[in-house]
C-alpha atoms as a PDB file:
ATOM      1  CA  MET A   1     -73.005  -1.161 -17.785  1.00  0.00           C
ATOM      2  CA  ALA A   2     -71.973   1.536 -15.332  1.00  0.00           C
ATOM      3  CA  TRP A   3     -72.337   1.532 -11.519  1.00  0.00           C
ATOM      4  CA  THR A   4     -73.560   4.078  -9.427  1.00  0.00           C
ATOM      5  CA  ARG A   5     -72.185   5.440  -6.699  1.00  0.00           C
ATOM      6  CA  LYS A   6     -74.435   3.128  -4.520  1.00  0.00           C
ATOM      7  CA  GLN A   7     -73.236   0.239  -5.985  1.00  0.00           C
ATOM      8  CA  LYS A   8     -69.527   0.909  -5.864  1.00  0.00           C
ATOM      9  CA  ARG A   9     -69.653   1.958  -2.137  1.00  0.00           C
ATOM     10  CA  LEU A  10     -71.642  -1.046  -1.394  1.00  0.00           C
ATOM     11  CA  GLY A  11     -68.864  -3.591  -3.687  1.00  0.00           C
ATOM     12  CA  ILE A  12     -66.042  -1.884  -1.930  1.00  0.00           C
ATOM     13  CA  ILE A  13     -67.979  -2.142   1.707  1.00  0.00           C
ATOM     14  CA  ALA A  14     -68.543  -5.966   0.796  1.00  0.00           C
ATOM     15  CA  GLY A  15     -64.869  -6.333  -0.380  1.00  0.00           C
ATOM     16  CA  LEU A  16     -63.656  -4.934   2.812  1.00  0.00           C
ATOM     17  CA  GLY A  17     -65.599  -7.281   4.704  1.00  0.00           C
ATOM     18  CA  VAL A  18     -64.531 -10.757   2.768  1.00  0.00           C
ATOM     19  CA  ILE A  19     -60.671  -9.205   3.871  1.00  0.00           C
ATOM     20  CA  LEU A  20     -61.480  -8.864   7.321  1.00  0.00           C
ATOM     21  CA  ALA A  21     -63.293 -12.121   7.665  1.00  0.00           C
ATOM     22  CA  LEU A  22     -60.303 -13.855   5.799  1.00  0.00           C
ATOM     23  CA  ALA A  23     -58.204 -12.209   7.972  1.00  0.00           C
ATOM     24  CA  ALA A  24     -59.728 -13.212  11.445  1.00  0.00           C
ATOM     25  CA  GLY A  25     -60.272 -16.815  10.283  1.00  0.00           C
ATOM     26  CA  LEU A  26     -56.195 -16.790   9.687  1.00  0.00           C
ATOM     27  CA  ILE A  27     -55.713 -15.603  12.899  1.00  0.00           C
ATOM     28  CA  LEU A  28     -57.772 -18.081  14.728  1.00  0.00           C
ATOM     29  CA  THR A  29     -56.538 -20.461  12.993  1.00  0.00           C
ATOM     30  CA  ALA A  30     -52.908 -19.603  13.556  1.00  0.00           C
ATOM     31  CA  LEU A  31     -53.719 -19.192  17.394  1.00  0.00           C
ATOM     32  CA  ARG A  32     -55.776 -22.304  17.756  1.00  0.00           C
ATOM     33  CA  ASP A  33     -53.554 -24.116  20.345  1.00  0.00           C
ATOM     34  CA  GLN A  34     -52.800 -20.795  22.343  1.00  0.00           C
ATOM     35  CA  ILE A  35     -56.033 -19.952  23.144  1.00  0.00           C
ATOM     36  CA  VAL A  36     -56.642 -22.702  25.615  1.00  0.00           C
ATOM     37  CA  PHE A  37     -56.755 -21.035  28.719  1.00  0.00           C
ATOM     38  CA  PHE A  38     -54.688 -23.763  30.148  1.00  0.00           C
ATOM     39  CA  TYR A  39     -53.613 -27.467  29.750  1.00  0.00           C
ATOM     40  CA  SER A  40     -54.045 -29.797  32.752  1.00  0.00           C
ATOM     41  CA  PRO A  41     -51.035 -32.526  33.489  1.00  0.00           C
ATOM     42  CA  THR A  42     -53.324 -34.912  31.702  1.00  0.00           C
ATOM     43  CA  GLU A  43     -53.589 -32.949  28.615  1.00  0.00           C
ATOM     44  CA  ILE A  44     -50.210 -31.870  28.356  1.00  0.00           C
ATOM     45  CA  ALA A  45     -49.002 -35.872  28.336  1.00  0.00           C
ATOM     46  CA  GLU A  46     -51.704 -36.537  25.550  1.00  0.00           C
ATOM     47  CA  ALA A  47     -50.678 -33.351  23.326  1.00  0.00           C
ATOM     48  CA  ALA A  48     -47.101 -34.518  23.060  1.00  0.00           C
ATOM     49  CA  LEU A  49     -45.848 -30.778  23.292  1.00  0.00           C
ATOM     50  CA  THR A  50     -42.326 -30.218  22.268  1.00  0.00           C
ATOM     51  CA  PRO A  51     -39.933 -28.642  25.320  1.00  0.00           C
ATOM     52  CA  GLY A  52     -39.752 -25.267  25.193  1.00  0.00           C
ATOM     53  CA  THR A  53     -43.591 -24.327  24.192  1.00  0.00           C
ATOM     54  CA  PRO A  54     -44.728 -21.352  26.000  1.00  0.00           C
ATOM     55  CA  ILE A  55     -47.954 -22.830  27.865  1.00  0.00           C
ATOM     56  CA  ARG A  56     -50.336 -22.566  31.039  1.00  0.00           C
ATOM     57  CA  LEU A  57     -50.223 -25.604  33.249  1.00  0.00           C
ATOM     58  CA  GLY A  58     -53.456 -25.516  35.451  1.00  0.00           C
ATOM     59  CA  GLY A  59     -54.669 -27.664  38.648  1.00  0.00           C
ATOM     60  CA  LEU A  60     -54.460 -28.287  42.012  1.00  0.00           C
ATOM     61  CA  VAL A  61     -51.173 -28.119  44.373  1.00  0.00           C
ATOM     62  CA  LEU A  62     -50.662 -31.686  45.337  1.00  0.00           C
ATOM     63  CA  GLU A  63     -50.611 -32.302  49.398  1.00  0.00           C
ATOM     64  CA  ASP A  64     -47.116 -32.520  50.913  1.00  0.00           C
ATOM     65  CA  SER A  65     -45.555 -31.510  47.460  1.00  0.00           C
ATOM     66  CA  TRP A  66     -44.434 -28.052  47.932  1.00  0.00           C
ATOM     67  CA  HIS A  67     -40.538 -27.599  48.726  1.00  0.00           C
ATOM     68  CA  GLN A  68     -39.116 -24.425  49.045  1.00  0.00           C
ATOM     69  CA  GLU A  69     -35.061 -23.470  49.272  1.00  0.00           C
ATOM     70  CA  GLY A  70     -34.937 -19.360  49.312  1.00  0.00           C
ATOM     71  CA  GLU A  71     -36.847 -18.273  46.148  1.00  0.00           C
ATOM     72  CA  ASN A  72     -36.611 -22.072  44.600  1.00  0.00           C
ATOM     73  CA  ASN A  73     -39.786 -23.623  44.808  1.00  0.00           C
ATOM     74  CA  THR A  74     -40.906 -26.787  43.459  1.00  0.00           C
ATOM     75  CA  PHE A  75     -44.268 -28.210  43.525  1.00  0.00           C
ATOM     76  CA  ILE A  76     -46.863 -31.014  41.772  1.00  0.00           C
ATOM     77  CA  VAL A  77     -49.794 -29.772  40.274  1.00  0.00           C
ATOM     78  CA  HIS A  78     -52.404 -32.830  39.726  1.00  0.00           C
ATOM     79  CA  ASP A  79     -55.923 -32.991  37.623  1.00  0.00           C
ATOM     80  CA  GLY A  80     -56.630 -36.177  39.513  1.00  0.00           C
ATOM     81  CA  ALA A  81     -55.606 -38.503  36.669  1.00  0.00           C
ATOM     82  CA  GLY A  82     -52.332 -36.933  36.136  1.00  0.00           C
ATOM     83  CA  GLN A  83     -49.648 -34.834  37.564  1.00  0.00           C
ATOM     84  CA  MET A  84     -46.767 -32.949  36.798  1.00  0.00           C
ATOM     85  CA  THR A  85     -43.467 -31.447  38.556  1.00  0.00           C
ATOM     86  CA  ALA A  86     -43.248 -27.601  38.293  1.00  0.00           C
ATOM     87  CA  HIS A  87     -40.213 -25.557  39.419  1.00  0.00           C
ATOM     88  CA  TYR A  88     -40.621 -21.757  40.250  1.00  0.00           C
ATOM     89  CA  THR A  89     -37.542 -19.244  41.153  1.00  0.00           C
ATOM     90  CA  GLY A  90     -39.507 -16.151  42.638  1.00  0.00           C
ATOM     91  CA  ILE A  91     -41.845 -15.397  45.564  1.00  0.00           C
ATOM     92  CA  LEU A  92     -44.703 -16.780  45.134  1.00  0.00           C
ATOM     93  CA  PRO A  93     -48.192 -15.182  45.585  1.00  0.00           C
ATOM     94  CA  ASP A  94     -49.450 -15.164  49.535  1.00  0.00           C
ATOM     95  CA  LEU A  95     -52.455 -16.934  48.709  1.00  0.00           C
ATOM     96  CA  PHE A  96     -50.350 -19.822  46.832  1.00  0.00           C
ATOM     97  CA  ARG A  97     -51.169 -22.779  48.887  1.00  0.00           C
ATOM     98  CA  GLU A  98     -51.119 -27.035  48.627  1.00  0.00           C
ATOM     99  CA  GLY A  99     -54.650 -28.483  47.580  1.00  0.00           C
ATOM    100  CA  GLN A 100     -55.447 -24.768  46.271  1.00  0.00           C
ATOM    101  CA  GLY A 101     -56.374 -24.337  42.571  1.00  0.00           C
ATOM    102  CA  VAL A 102     -53.065 -22.867  40.846  1.00  0.00           C
ATOM    103  CA  VAL A 103     -52.250 -21.994  36.997  1.00  0.00           C
ATOM    104  CA  ALA A 104     -48.373 -21.346  36.054  1.00  0.00           C
ATOM    105  CA  GLU A 105     -47.516 -19.886  33.252  1.00  0.00           C
ATOM    106  CA  GLY A 106     -44.181 -21.108  31.803  1.00  0.00           C
ATOM    107  CA  SER A 107     -42.926 -23.825  29.298  1.00  0.00           C
ATOM    108  CA  LEU A 108     -42.127 -27.577  29.289  1.00  0.00           C
ATOM    109  CA  GLN A 109     -38.679 -28.794  29.975  1.00  0.00           C
ATOM    110  CA  ALA A 110     -36.918 -31.818  27.901  1.00  0.00           C
ATOM    111  CA  ASP A 111     -37.124 -34.167  31.498  1.00  0.00           C
ATOM    112  CA  GLY A 112     -40.981 -33.556  31.449  1.00  0.00           C
ATOM    113  CA  SER A 113     -41.060 -31.067  34.390  1.00  0.00           C
ATOM    114  CA  PHE A 114     -42.500 -27.641  34.059  1.00  0.00           C
ATOM    115  CA  LEU A 115     -40.729 -24.407  34.610  1.00  0.00           C
ATOM    116  CA  ALA A 116     -42.953 -21.716  35.687  1.00  0.00           C
ATOM    117  CA  THR A 117     -42.076 -18.126  34.782  1.00  0.00           C
ATOM    118  CA  SER A 118     -45.193 -16.609  36.523  1.00  0.00           C
ATOM    119  CA  VAL A 119     -47.651 -18.566  39.178  1.00  0.00           C
ATOM    120  CA  LEU A 120     -51.063 -17.354  39.982  1.00  0.00           C
ATOM    121  CA  ALA A 121     -53.334 -18.463  42.685  1.00  0.00           C
ATOM    122  CA  LYS A 122     -56.997 -18.224  43.612  1.00  0.00           C
ATOM    123  CA  HIS A 123     -57.753 -15.048  45.597  1.00  0.00           C
ATOM    124  CA  ASP A 124     -59.958 -16.326  48.167  1.00  0.00           C
ATOM    125  CA  GLU A 125     -61.436 -19.773  49.688  1.00  0.00           C
ATOM    126  CA  THR A 126     -64.511 -19.897  47.709  1.00  0.00           C
ATOM    127  CA  TYR A 127     -63.070 -18.710  44.102  1.00  0.00           C
ATOM    128  CA  MET A 128     -61.557 -21.081  41.678  1.00  0.00           C
ATOM    129  CA  PRO A 129     -61.120 -20.143  37.808  1.00  0.00           C
ATOM    130  CA  ARG A 130     -64.097 -21.525  35.550  1.00  0.00           C
ATOM    131  CA  GLU A 131     -61.766 -23.414  33.525  1.00  0.00           C
ATOM    132  CA  VAL A 132     -59.863 -25.100  36.428  1.00  0.00           C
ATOM    133  CA  ALA A 133     -63.048 -26.206  37.875  1.00  0.00           C
ATOM    134  CA  ASP A 134     -64.610 -27.770  34.992  1.00  0.00           C
ATOM    135  CA  SER A 135     -61.403 -29.572  34.188  1.00  0.00           C
ATOM    136  CA  LEU A 136     -61.493 -30.905  37.903  1.00  0.00           C
ATOM    137  CA  ARG A 137     -64.806 -31.331  37.863  1.00  0.00           C
ATOM    138  CA  GLU A 138     -64.145 -33.661  34.346  1.00  0.00           C
ATOM    139  CA  GLN A 139     -61.692 -35.909  36.264  1.00  0.00           C
ATOM    140  CA  GLY A 140     -63.987 -36.222  39.263  1.00  0.00           C
ATOM    141  CA  VAL A 141     -61.357 -34.227  41.627  1.00  0.00           C
ATOM    142  CA  TRP A 142     -63.375 -31.458  42.605  1.00  0.00           C
ATOM    143  CA  GLN A 143     -66.782 -31.071  43.303  1.00  0.00           C
ATOM    144  CA  GLY A 144     -67.253 -27.356  44.257  1.00  0.00           C
ATOM    145  CA  ASP A 145     -69.906 -25.046  43.378  1.00  0.00           C
ATOM    146  CA  GLY A 146     -67.274 -23.369  40.766  1.00  0.00           C
ATOM    147  CA  GLY A 147     -67.596 -20.189  41.719  1.00  0.00           C
END
């Protein structure tokens, strides 16, 4: 049986669609753990991540935990149930404050602390990233309006 031009075209389009769907599925499977916007300190403890794995740590900066010596900063990020010490070398954003929401990009260290390569702070008094607010609300730490 000979295929018409229309049937050949539909067959090629269907084949390309299947290949595209398989490629998208493989990419999403490979990036499954990296798609998460951030991990809370409790989630990091539960996930048993290996030191050196690049992740994002999110939560609130614990009151009276920020210590600064020149450009070396140490602070504790907490989510109500757990906390993690974070180290950052550099100038923190102007809006970085204790008791405020923060997301830090970096990696877990062998001693259980977090070495941040960049720190993101919320941009005003009423805004908190939805993921941070939802995580803190689930822990019962924050009762704000979420945005």
